[in-house]
Amino acid sequence: MKLLIDVIGWSGSGFLILAYGLTLVAHNKYVNYAKYLNLFGALLIAINCYYYNAIPSFVSNIIWSVMATLTIYKTKKRERYFVKPRFRM
């Protein structure tokens, strides 16, 4: 079980680092992927922190995942109202 929790924690850390790297790519082509990576990375790290009873880090990562969820929701809501019409020819 400990090995699984360690793999989960390291995977979450990798997701967060990858998400940050994607935000640095020119023209923000991968920003939407970074939002989901932030969410899943924070949740995985929160699981790891909870297992090891690291409560301050657990709370920080839960807050991080809530912020990522709100960002995804806000983006989806904005896309729904501001969809550009496509012209067919």
PDB file of N, CA and C in Angstrom:
ATOM      1  N   MET A   1       0.822  -1.197   0.000  1.00  0.00           N
ATOM      2  CA  MET A   1       0.000   0.000   0.000  1.00  0.00           C
ATOM      3  C   MET A   1       0.866   1.260   0.000  1.00  0.00           C
ATOM      4  N   LYS A   2       1.936   1.224   0.789  1.00  0.00           N
ATOM      5  CA  LYS A   2       2.821   2.385   0.874  1.00  0.00           C
ATOM      6  C   LYS A   2       3.420   2.720  -0.492  1.00  0.00           C
ATOM      7  N   LEU A   3       3.812   1.704  -1.241  1.00  0.00           N
ATOM      8  CA  LEU A   3       4.384   1.932  -2.569  1.00  0.00           C
ATOM      9  C   LEU A   3       3.361   2.586  -3.493  1.00  0.00           C
ATOM     10  N   LEU A   4       2.127   2.126  -3.440  1.00  0.00           N
ATOM     11  CA  LEU A   4       1.075   2.710  -4.266  1.00  0.00           C
ATOM     12  C   LEU A   4       0.860   4.182  -3.918  1.00  0.00           C
ATOM     13  N   ILE A   5       0.814   4.499  -2.643  1.00  0.00           N
ATOM     14  CA  ILE A   5       0.633   5.892  -2.214  1.00  0.00           C
ATOM     15  C   ILE A   5       1.815   6.743  -2.649  1.00  0.00           C
ATOM     16  N   ASP A   6       3.028   6.193  -2.579  1.00  0.00           N
ATOM     17  CA  ASP A   6       4.205   6.929  -3.038  1.00  0.00           C
ATOM     18  C   ASP A   6       4.135   7.201  -4.542  1.00  0.00           C
ATOM     19  N   VAL A   7       3.717   6.206  -5.309  1.00  0.00           N
ATOM     20  CA  VAL A   7       3.586   6.378  -6.768  1.00  0.00           C
ATOM     21  C   VAL A   7       2.524   7.433  -7.065  1.00  0.00           C
ATOM     22  N   ILE A   8       1.417   7.401  -6.320  1.00  0.00           N
ATOM     23  CA  ILE A   8       0.364   8.399  -6.496  1.00  0.00           C
ATOM     24  C   ILE A   8       0.906   9.799  -6.216  1.00  0.00           C
ATOM     25  N   GLY A   9       1.652   9.959  -5.139  1.00  0.00           N
ATOM     26  CA  GLY A   9       2.220  11.264  -4.793  1.00  0.00           C
ATOM     27  C   GLY A   9       3.209  11.769  -5.827  1.00  0.00           C
ATOM     28  N   TRP A  10       4.095  10.893  -6.277  1.00  0.00           N
ATOM     29  CA  TRP A  10       5.073  11.299  -7.285  1.00  0.00           C
ATOM     30  C   TRP A  10       4.393  11.608  -8.621  1.00  0.00           C
ATOM     31  N   SER A  11       3.363  10.869  -8.953  1.00  0.00           N
ATOM     32  CA  SER A  11       2.619  11.147 -10.189  1.00  0.00           C
ATOM     33  C   SER A  11       1.956  12.513 -10.108  1.00  0.00           C
ATOM     34  N   GLY A  12       1.362  12.813  -8.959  1.00  0.00           N
ATOM     35  CA  GLY A  12       0.753  14.127  -8.775  1.00  0.00           C
ATOM     36  C   GLY A  12       1.762  15.249  -8.916  1.00  0.00           C
ATOM     37  N   SER A  13       2.933  15.054  -8.339  1.00  0.00           N
ATOM     38  CA  SER A  13       3.995  16.060  -8.478  1.00  0.00           C
ATOM     39  C   SER A  13       4.401  16.231  -9.934  1.00  0.00           C
ATOM     40  N   GLY A  14       4.507  15.128 -10.635  1.00  0.00           N
ATOM     41  CA  GLY A  14       4.844  15.183 -12.064  1.00  0.00           C
ATOM     42  C   GLY A  14       3.784  15.916 -12.863  1.00  0.00           C
ATOM     43  N   PHE A  15       2.502  15.671 -12.536  1.00  0.00           N
ATOM     44  CA  PHE A  15       1.420  16.363 -13.232  1.00  0.00           C
ATOM     45  C   PHE A  15       1.491  17.869 -13.008  1.00  0.00           C
ATOM     46  N   LEU A  16       1.770  18.284 -11.773  1.00  0.00           N
ATOM     47  CA  LEU A  16       1.854  19.722 -11.490  1.00  0.00           C
ATOM     48  C   LEU A  16       3.024  20.371 -12.224  1.00  0.00           C
ATOM     49  N   ILE A  17       4.152  19.689 -12.270  1.00  0.00           N
ATOM     50  CA  ILE A  17       5.315  20.229 -12.982  1.00  0.00           C
ATOM     51  C   ILE A  17       5.031  20.302 -14.476  1.00  0.00           C
ATOM     52  N   LEU A  18       4.408  19.266 -15.013  1.00  0.00           N
ATOM     53  CA  LEU A  18       4.047  19.272 -16.429  1.00  0.00           C
ATOM     54  C   LEU A  18       3.037  20.383 -16.730  1.00  0.00           C
ATOM     55  N   ALA A  19       2.078  20.585 -15.842  1.00  0.00           N
ATOM     56  CA  ALA A  19       1.090  21.655 -16.031  1.00  0.00           C
ATOM     57  C   ALA A  19       1.775  23.016 -16.082  1.00  0.00           C
ATOM     58  N   TYR A  20       2.715  23.223 -15.186  1.00  0.00           N
ATOM     59  CA  TYR A  20       3.442  24.493 -15.196  1.00  0.00           C
ATOM     60  C   TYR A  20       4.236  24.641 -16.494  1.00  0.00           C
ATOM     61  N   GLY A  21       4.876  23.582 -16.912  1.00  0.00           N
ATOM     62  CA  GLY A  21       5.635  23.637 -18.159  1.00  0.00           C
ATOM     63  C   GLY A  21       4.754  23.948 -19.356  1.00  0.00           C
ATOM     64  N   LEU A  22       3.545  23.401 -19.371  1.00  0.00           N
ATOM     65  CA  LEU A  22       2.635  23.662 -20.486  1.00  0.00           C
ATOM     66  C   LEU A  22       2.182  25.117 -20.537  1.00  0.00           C
ATOM     67  N   THR A  23       2.138  25.769 -19.386  1.00  0.00           N
ATOM     68  CA  THR A  23       1.746  27.182 -19.401  1.00  0.00           C
ATOM     69  C   THR A  23       2.853  28.072 -19.966  1.00  0.00           C
ATOM     70  N   LEU A  24       4.051  27.556 -20.053  1.00  0.00           N
ATOM     71  CA  LEU A  24       5.168  28.331 -20.585  1.00  0.00           C
ATOM     72  C   LEU A  24       5.323  28.208 -22.093  1.00  0.00           C
ATOM     73  N   VAL A  25       4.562  27.296 -22.707  1.00  0.00           N
ATOM     74  CA  VAL A  25       4.642  27.089 -24.150  1.00  0.00           C
ATOM     75  C   VAL A  25       4.065  28.304 -24.860  1.00  0.00           C
ATOM     76  N   ALA A  26       4.698  28.684 -25.945  1.00  0.00           N
ATOM     77  CA  ALA A  26       4.277  29.873 -26.694  1.00  0.00           C
ATOM     78  C   ALA A  26       2.827  29.770 -27.146  1.00  0.00           C
ATOM     79  N   HIS A  27       2.153  30.875 -27.129  1.00  0.00           N
ATOM     80  CA  HIS A  27       0.776  31.033 -27.592  1.00  0.00           C
ATOM     81  C   HIS A  27      -0.238  30.282 -26.732  1.00  0.00           C
ATOM     82  N   ASN A  28       0.162  29.800 -25.578  1.00  0.00           N
ATOM     83  CA  ASN A  28      -0.749  29.125 -24.645  1.00  0.00           C
ATOM     84  C   ASN A  28      -1.599  28.050 -25.320  1.00  0.00           C
ATOM     85  N   LYS A  29      -0.990  27.265 -26.179  1.00  0.00           N
ATOM     86  CA  LYS A  29      -1.713  26.230 -26.906  1.00  0.00           C
ATOM     87  C   LYS A  29      -2.249  25.138 -25.984  1.00  0.00           C
ATOM     88  N   TYR A  30      -1.599  24.904 -24.871  1.00  0.00           N
ATOM     89  CA  TYR A  30      -1.943  23.765 -24.030  1.00  0.00           C
ATOM     90  C   TYR A  30      -2.485  24.172 -22.660  1.00  0.00           C
ATOM     91  N   VAL A  31      -3.031  25.367 -22.560  1.00  0.00           N
ATOM     92  CA  VAL A  31      -3.517  25.856 -21.271  1.00  0.00           C
ATOM     93  C   VAL A  31      -4.662  24.993 -20.748  1.00  0.00           C
ATOM     94  N   ASN A  32      -5.541  24.544 -21.625  1.00  0.00           N
ATOM     95  CA  ASN A  32      -6.653  23.715 -21.159  1.00  0.00           C
ATOM     96  C   ASN A  32      -6.159  22.398 -20.569  1.00  0.00           C
ATOM     97  N   TYR A  33      -5.142  21.805 -21.153  1.00  0.00           N
ATOM     98  CA  TYR A  33      -4.564  20.581 -20.590  1.00  0.00           C
ATOM     99  C   TYR A  33      -3.953  20.861 -19.217  1.00  0.00           C
ATOM    100  N   ALA A  34      -3.323  22.007 -19.094  1.00  0.00           N
ATOM    101  CA  ALA A  34      -2.673  22.363 -17.835  1.00  0.00           C
ATOM    102  C   ALA A  34      -3.690  22.496 -16.706  1.00  0.00           C
ATOM    103  N   LYS A  35      -4.879  22.978 -17.008  1.00  0.00           N
ATOM    104  CA  LYS A  35      -5.918  23.111 -15.982  1.00  0.00           C
ATOM    105  C   LYS A  35      -6.290  21.751 -15.412  1.00  0.00           C
ATOM    106  N   TYR A  36      -6.460  20.769 -16.277  1.00  0.00           N
ATOM    107  CA  TYR A  36      -6.813  19.423 -15.817  1.00  0.00           C
ATOM    108  C   TYR A  36      -5.647  18.749 -15.101  1.00  0.00           C
ATOM    109  N   LEU A  37      -4.443  18.981 -15.589  1.00  0.00           N
ATOM    110  CA  LEU A  37      -3.274  18.426 -14.909  1.00  0.00           C
ATOM    111  C   LEU A  37      -3.118  19.014 -13.511  1.00  0.00           C
ATOM    112  N   ASN A  38      -3.404  20.302 -13.355  1.00  0.00           N
ATOM    113  CA  ASN A  38      -3.378  20.926 -12.037  1.00  0.00           C
ATOM    114  C   ASN A  38      -4.386  20.266 -11.103  1.00  0.00           C
ATOM    115  N   LEU A  39      -5.578  20.034 -11.605  1.00  0.00           N
ATOM    116  CA  LEU A  39      -6.621  19.415 -10.793  1.00  0.00           C
ATOM    117  C   LEU A  39      -6.216  18.011 -10.352  1.00  0.00           C
ATOM    118  N   PHE A  40      -5.853  17.170 -11.295  1.00  0.00           N
ATOM    119  CA  PHE A  40      -5.519  15.787 -10.964  1.00  0.00           C
ATOM    120  C   PHE A  40      -4.228  15.680 -10.157  1.00  0.00           C
ATOM    121  N   GLY A  41      -3.262  16.524 -10.468  1.00  0.00           N
ATOM    122  CA  GLY A  41      -2.018  16.514  -9.704  1.00  0.00           C
ATOM    123  C   GLY A  41      -2.247  16.879  -8.248  1.00  0.00           C
ATOM    124  N   ALA A  42      -3.036  17.908  -8.012  1.00  0.00           N
ATOM    125  CA  ALA A  42      -3.315  18.333  -6.639  1.00  0.00           C
ATOM    126  C   ALA A  42      -4.093  17.263  -5.881  1.00  0.00           C
ATOM    127  N   LEU A  43      -5.048  16.613  -6.548  1.00  0.00           N
ATOM    128  CA  LEU A  43      -5.808  15.552  -5.888  1.00  0.00           C
ATOM    129  C   LEU A  43      -4.913  14.364  -5.526  1.00  0.00           C
ATOM    130  N   LEU A  44      -4.023  13.999  -6.428  1.00  0.00           N
ATOM    131  CA  LEU A  44      -3.122  12.873  -6.146  1.00  0.00           C
ATOM    132  C   LEU A  44      -2.173  13.196  -4.994  1.00  0.00           C
ATOM    133  N   ILE A  45      -1.657  14.408  -4.977  1.00  0.00           N
ATOM    134  CA  ILE A  45      -0.776  14.799  -3.873  1.00  0.00           C
ATOM    135  C   ILE A  45      -1.566  14.865  -2.566  1.00  0.00           C
ATOM    136  N   ALA A  46      -2.825  15.310  -2.634  1.00  0.00           N
ATOM    137  CA  ALA A  46      -3.654  15.359  -1.429  1.00  0.00           C
ATOM    138  C   ALA A  46      -3.865  13.952  -0.857  1.00  0.00           C
ATOM    139  N   ILE A  47      -4.063  12.987  -1.714  1.00  0.00           N
ATOM    140  CA  ILE A  47      -4.198  11.594  -1.254  1.00  0.00           C
ATOM    141  C   ILE A  47      -2.928  11.156  -0.541  1.00  0.00           C
ATOM    142  N   ASN A  48      -1.799  11.456  -1.134  1.00  0.00           N
ATOM    143  CA  ASN A  48      -0.516  11.101  -0.530  1.00  0.00           C
ATOM    144  C   ASN A  48      -0.338  11.783   0.822  1.00  0.00           C
ATOM    145  N   CYS A  49      -0.655  13.063   0.892  1.00  0.00           N
ATOM    146  CA  CYS A  49      -0.500  13.818   2.147  1.00  0.00           C
ATOM    147  C   CYS A  49      -1.440  13.301   3.226  1.00  0.00           C
ATOM    148  N   TYR A  50      -2.648  12.945   2.850  1.00  0.00           N
ATOM    149  CA  TYR A  50      -3.603  12.421   3.820  1.00  0.00           C
ATOM    150  C   TYR A  50      -3.101  11.097   4.399  1.00  0.00           C
ATOM    151  N   TYR A  51      -2.566  10.251   3.535  1.00  0.00           N
ATOM    152  CA  TYR A  51      -2.049   8.958   3.980  1.00  0.00           C
ATOM    153  C   TYR A  51      -0.922   9.145   4.996  1.00  0.00           C
ATOM    154  N   TYR A  52      -0.049  10.098   4.726  1.00  0.00           N
ATOM    155  CA  TYR A  52       1.089  10.343   5.615  1.00  0.00           C
ATOM    156  C   TYR A  52       0.776  11.350   6.729  1.00  0.00           C
ATOM    157  N   ASN A  53      -0.481  11.727   6.844  1.00  0.00           N
ATOM    158  CA  ASN A  53      -0.944  12.623   7.902  1.00  0.00           C
ATOM    159  C   ASN A  53      -0.250  13.992   7.849  1.00  0.00           C
ATOM    160  N   ALA A  54       0.033  14.457   6.650  1.00  0.00           N
ATOM    161  CA  ALA A  54       0.621  15.788   6.450  1.00  0.00           C
ATOM    162  C   ALA A  54      -0.533  16.758   6.181  1.00  0.00           C
ATOM    163  N   ILE A  55      -1.204  17.141   7.241  1.00  0.00           N
ATOM    164  CA  ILE A  55      -2.455  17.890   7.127  1.00  0.00           C
ATOM    165  C   ILE A  55      -2.282  19.265   6.462  1.00  0.00           C
ATOM    166  N   PRO A  56      -1.259  20.062   6.785  1.00  0.00           N
ATOM    167  CA  PRO A  56      -1.131  21.357   6.089  1.00  0.00           C
ATOM    168  C   PRO A  56      -0.984  21.205   4.569  1.00  0.00           C
ATOM    169  N   SER A  57      -0.191  20.253   4.128  1.00  0.00           N
ATOM    170  CA  SER A  57      -0.041  20.025   2.692  1.00  0.00           C
ATOM    171  C   SER A  57      -1.320  19.461   2.083  1.00  0.00           C
ATOM    172  N   PHE A  58      -2.012  18.626   2.847  1.00  0.00           N
ATOM    173  CA  PHE A  58      -3.290  18.071   2.387  1.00  0.00           C
ATOM    174  C   PHE A  58      -4.284  19.198   2.133  1.00  0.00           C
ATOM    175  N   VAL A  59      -4.420  20.104   3.093  1.00  0.00           N
ATOM    176  CA  VAL A  59      -5.364  21.216   2.956  1.00  0.00           C
ATOM    177  C   VAL A  59      -4.958  22.121   1.792  1.00  0.00           C
ATOM    178  N   SER A  60      -3.676  22.394   1.662  1.00  0.00           N
ATOM    179  CA  SER A  60      -3.193  23.237   0.557  1.00  0.00           C
ATOM    180  C   SER A  60      -3.551  22.629  -0.790  1.00  0.00           C
ATOM    181  N   ASN A  61      -3.372  21.330  -0.916  1.00  0.00           N
ATOM    182  CA  ASN A  61      -3.666  20.680  -2.195  1.00  0.00           C
ATOM    183  C   ASN A  61      -5.158  20.539  -2.450  1.00  0.00           C
ATOM    184  N   ILE A  62      -5.953  20.408  -1.409  1.00  0.00           N
ATOM    185  CA  ILE A  62      -7.410  20.425  -1.600  1.00  0.00           C
ATOM    186  C   ILE A  62      -7.842  21.800  -2.093  1.00  0.00           C
ATOM    187  N   ILE A  63      -7.302  22.855  -1.494  1.00  0.00           N
ATOM    188  CA  ILE A  63      -7.620  24.211  -1.952  1.00  0.00           C
ATOM    189  C   ILE A  63      -7.162  24.409  -3.391  1.00  0.00           C
ATOM    190  N   TRP A  64      -5.979  23.904  -3.720  1.00  0.00           N
ATOM    191  CA  TRP A  64      -5.450  23.999  -5.082  1.00  0.00           C
ATOM    192  C   TRP A  64      -6.386  23.300  -6.071  1.00  0.00           C
ATOM    193  N   SER A  65      -6.891  22.121  -5.704  1.00  0.00           N
ATOM    194  CA  SER A  65      -7.786  21.390  -6.604  1.00  0.00           C
ATOM    195  C   SER A  65      -9.139  22.087  -6.729  1.00  0.00           C
ATOM    196  N   VAL A  66      -9.616  22.723  -5.658  1.00  0.00           N
ATOM    197  CA  VAL A  66     -10.862  23.487  -5.738  1.00  0.00           C
ATOM    198  C   VAL A  66     -10.677  24.682  -6.681  1.00  0.00           C
ATOM    199  N   MET A  67      -9.548  25.358  -6.579  1.00  0.00           N
ATOM    200  CA  MET A  67      -9.275  26.480  -7.485  1.00  0.00           C
ATOM    201  C   MET A  67      -9.193  26.003  -8.933  1.00  0.00           C
ATOM    202  N   ALA A  68      -8.571  24.861  -9.158  1.00  0.00           N
ATOM    203  CA  ALA A  68      -8.493  24.315 -10.516  1.00  0.00           C
ATOM    204  C   ALA A  68      -9.884  23.959 -11.034  1.00  0.00           C
ATOM    205  N   THR A  69     -10.720  23.384 -10.169  1.00  0.00           N
ATOM    206  CA  THR A  69     -12.086  23.044 -10.566  1.00  0.00           C
ATOM    207  C   THR A  69     -12.878  24.290 -10.924  1.00  0.00           C
ATOM    208  N   LEU A  70     -12.753  25.333 -10.121  1.00  0.00           N
ATOM    209  CA  LEU A  70     -13.454  26.578 -10.413  1.00  0.00           C
ATOM    210  C   LEU A  70     -12.965  27.210 -11.712  1.00  0.00           C
ATOM    211  N   THR A  71     -11.672  27.111 -11.969  1.00  0.00           N
ATOM    212  CA  THR A  71     -11.118  27.651 -13.214  1.00  0.00           C
ATOM    213  C   THR A  71     -11.662  26.892 -14.419  1.00  0.00           C
ATOM    214  N   ILE A  72     -11.722  25.578 -14.318  1.00  0.00           N
ATOM    215  CA  ILE A  72     -12.266  24.768 -15.413  1.00  0.00           C
ATOM    216  C   ILE A  72     -13.737  25.106 -15.628  1.00  0.00           C
ATOM    217  N   TYR A  73     -14.495  25.211 -14.543  1.00  0.00           N
ATOM    218  CA  TYR A  73     -15.916  25.547 -14.642  1.00  0.00           C
ATOM    219  C   TYR A  73     -16.112  26.920 -15.287  1.00  0.00           C
ATOM    220  N   LYS A  74     -15.333  27.890 -14.840  1.00  0.00           N
ATOM    221  CA  LYS A  74     -15.435  29.251 -15.371  1.00  0.00           C
ATOM    222  C   LYS A  74     -15.107  29.276 -16.861  1.00  0.00           C
ATOM    223  N   THR A  75     -14.094  28.533 -17.264  1.00  0.00           N
ATOM    224  CA  THR A  75     -13.709  28.473 -18.672  1.00  0.00           C
ATOM    225  C   THR A  75     -14.807  27.840 -19.508  1.00  0.00           C
ATOM    226  N   LYS A  76     -15.380  26.741 -19.012  1.00  0.00           N
ATOM    227  CA  LYS A  76     -16.461  26.066 -19.744  1.00  0.00           C
ATOM    228  C   LYS A  76     -17.678  26.974 -19.875  1.00  0.00           C
ATOM    229  N   LYS A  77     -17.990  27.693 -18.814  1.00  0.00           N
ATOM    230  CA  LYS A  77     -19.131  28.603 -18.828  1.00  0.00           C
ATOM    231  C   LYS A  77     -18.908  29.720 -19.837  1.00  0.00           C
ATOM    232  N   ARG A  78     -17.702  30.266 -19.852  1.00  0.00           N
ATOM    233  CA  ARG A  78     -17.368  31.347 -20.787  1.00  0.00           C
ATOM    234  C   ARG A  78     -17.416  30.845 -22.226  1.00  0.00           C
ATOM    235  N   GLU A  79     -16.914  29.634 -22.466  1.00  0.00           N
ATOM    236  CA  GLU A  79     -16.932  29.079 -23.822  1.00  0.00           C
ATOM    237  C   GLU A  79     -18.358  28.845 -24.297  1.00  0.00           C
ATOM    238  N   ARG A  80     -19.236  28.473 -23.388  1.00  0.00           N
ATOM    239  CA  ARG A  80     -20.618  28.202 -23.743  1.00  0.00           C
ATOM    240  C   ARG A  80     -21.331  29.479 -24.197  1.00  0.00           C
ATOM    241  N   TYR A  81     -21.018  30.606 -23.561  1.00  0.00           N
ATOM    242  CA  TYR A  81     -21.690  31.863 -23.901  1.00  0.00           C
ATOM    243  C   TYR A  81     -21.024  32.624 -25.034  1.00  0.00           C
ATOM    244  N   PHE A  82     -19.770  32.391 -25.262  1.00  0.00           N
ATOM    245  CA  PHE A  82     -19.047  33.138 -26.286  1.00  0.00           C
ATOM    246  C   PHE A  82     -18.518  32.239 -27.391  1.00  0.00           C
ATOM    247  N   VAL A  83     -19.324  31.318 -27.828  1.00  0.00           N
ATOM    248  CA  VAL A  83     -18.927  30.431 -28.918  1.00  0.00           C
ATOM    249  C   VAL A  83     -18.980  31.221 -30.215  1.00  0.00           C
ATOM    250  N   LYS A  84     -17.897  31.152 -30.953  1.00  0.00           N
ATOM    251  CA  LYS A  84     -17.844  31.858 -32.227  1.00  0.00           C
ATOM    252  C   LYS A  84     -18.614  31.047 -33.283  1.00  0.00           C
ATOM    253  N   PRO A  85     -19.490  31.701 -34.020  1.00  0.00           N
ATOM    254  CA  PRO A  85     -20.227  30.957 -35.063  1.00  0.00           C
ATOM    255  C   PRO A  85     -19.289  30.546 -36.179  1.00  0.00           C
ATOM    256  N   ARG A  86     -19.519  29.355 -36.677  1.00  0.00           N
ATOM    257  CA  ARG A  86     -18.719  28.860 -37.808  1.00  0.00           C
ATOM    258  C   ARG A  86     -19.572  28.974 -39.064  1.00  0.00           C
ATOM    259  N   PHE A  87     -18.943  29.488 -40.087  1.00  0.00           N
ATOM    260  CA  PHE A  87     -19.653  29.660 -41.343  1.00  0.00           C
ATOM    261  C   PHE A  87     -19.362  28.473 -42.236  1.00  0.00           C
ATOM    262  N   ARG A  88     -20.429  27.938 -42.784  1.00  0.00           N
ATOM    263  CA  ARG A  88     -20.279  26.807 -43.710  1.00  0.00           C
ATOM    264  C   ARG A  88     -20.398  27.311 -45.135  1.00  0.00           C
ATOM    265  N   MET A  89     -19.536  26.805 -45.963  1.00  0.00           N
ATOM    266  CA  MET A  89     -19.578  27.188 -47.372  1.00  0.00           C
ATOM    267  C   MET A  89     -19.502  25.961 -48.218  1.00  0.00           C
TER     268      MET A  89
END
